[in-house]
Amino acid sequence: MKKSDFLDPAPPDFRWPQCPEADEFIRERLAEFLEGHSFARRLADRMRDETSTEFEIWVDHLILPKSRFSQEAVSKLGFIPDKDAAVSAKSMVFWHPLADLPRLVLTGDSSLSCALMVENISDFQLAHGLSLAIEGKPFSLYRESRVDGEKGELLIIERRGSWTFVPDRKDRAADYLTSLEAWLNRPRQFRNREEGLKQTQALAKTLVRTLGTGMAAWAFLEAERSYWQSRNRAGQVQKARQDRLGLGWANHDHHTFRSSRPAFPALIEILKTFGFKKRERYYAGAEAGWGAQIMEQPEARLVIFADVDLTLEDVSVDFSSVALAELAKPGTVGLWCALHGESILEAGMHHLEAKFDFERLRGSLKASGVNFMNPFSNFPHLRQAFSEGEWWQVPTERLEALRSSNKLSEEAYQRIREKGAVGSHLENLQRRNGFKGFNQKGVSHIILEVNPEAQALKGPGRAS
């Protein structure tokens, strides 16, 4: 099985399994590693106390000695060889195609080691008073530094759109930073939606020609996180906490973009330009009036939730690739786009979902004035909750158009004109048992709960 085999697309009835045995294996190895590495133990404590995150969610891969762990042993847990991964001689990489778990690298080394993912190694070293050698060029596909322990090594690594395990010595900084700046500074407001989507697609193709799909996808979402964060206080508060340890947003789980029905195929084409593949898709039912195409970029291991209003008739076709007509009465997603614009254009992401210690994050951010809505998934293997939404002002012309077309009640119109409408969230996520999927029923519930019209009638501070 190759990384792309299960992605494009998943069968209509596909559901991600739980993989408790593989998850327990990873946890046992991490516990063993931390026992023999005092710096990593202190870091794990600080992650928990200062960022409300767990050490394990930052782990990119584990390096296991072949003398103790055989290919047969890890295969029984569901890990399979990654034959495409670049790795040093006499090493083998294994990944779990059905689970959200770190890679395993089997080597001839005698000690167990661990690789921790951060956004920028230099920031990490500065935060911890380190001055270690960094292998690999700045802003390249893969870089690493090594912190010796009593037993084994802690690797601090950066990735930018590749699953290589060999430091990248090609100078890519100018191309990457130029492309990142181009996407950050791109126009987001246009005379009409069609022109905006056309120009955005053209820019996406330029980034891919310059960087390749994996690295271009990385730059695209790095820029989108920055734009979302500039308008989301919960994200700003939590990012500052993570930056104090030099971690950045390397704990992201997925990025959610909302789209109007007519723009949805164009959004999917832009994502496909960046190398995203279709994964599973959701239809929540006629009552919810919503669906999503989940996309994954296998080179960069990036995930996008693409939301759109759907009807029962839309489910019989691939709704991500056919033109969808406007509805007489927009649902939650369509109304959000009508108020704020397309996610891929002026609105930005609806939310960033990142991995945390679920309860600790709720308690810690409350002290900073950031509150969370009630959980919409609350299972042992999956917990999810939105921060209370950011309230954005809505341009008068958008409101007038919605009122004149009877797509917004008079009361909601008056409330939104005065108070604005909910724009974006930070999502608190905790996974267990390697579970890679989502709770469709719970997502359907929260989609209805964050309907802009319903929230406007409740008012700020009463969305939960």
Foldseek 3Di string as FASTA:
>chain_A
DALCPCVQEHPQPDFFDFQFVLQVVVVVLVVVQCVFFVVLVVVQVCCCVQQQFGQQLQFAEKEAECVVDPPVNVVVSQWDWHPPAADDPQKTWTDHSRFQHHIYIYHNDPFMETEGEAADVVLLCVLVVHDFDKAAEPPDAKIWTWDDTSTYIYIYMYGQQARYPHHHHDPCVVLLVVLLVCLLPPAQDDPDDVVNLVVLLVSLLVNCVRPNLRNSVRSNVVSLLVVVCVQFVLSVVSQVSCSSNRGGQSQFQAFEWFDEQQCQLSVVVSNVSSQWHWYHKDDLDQVLQKIWTWTARSRNRYIYTYIYGHHPVCVVDPSNNDRDDGDLAGGQRNVLCLFQNTCSGRQGTQEIEGERNQVSSQVVCVVVVWHWDDWLDDDPFKTKTWIFFRFDQGDPVSLVVCVVSVNADPVLSVLCNPTGWGRHTYMYMHGGSRRSDDDSNSVSVVSNLRRRSVDSVQPPPRSD
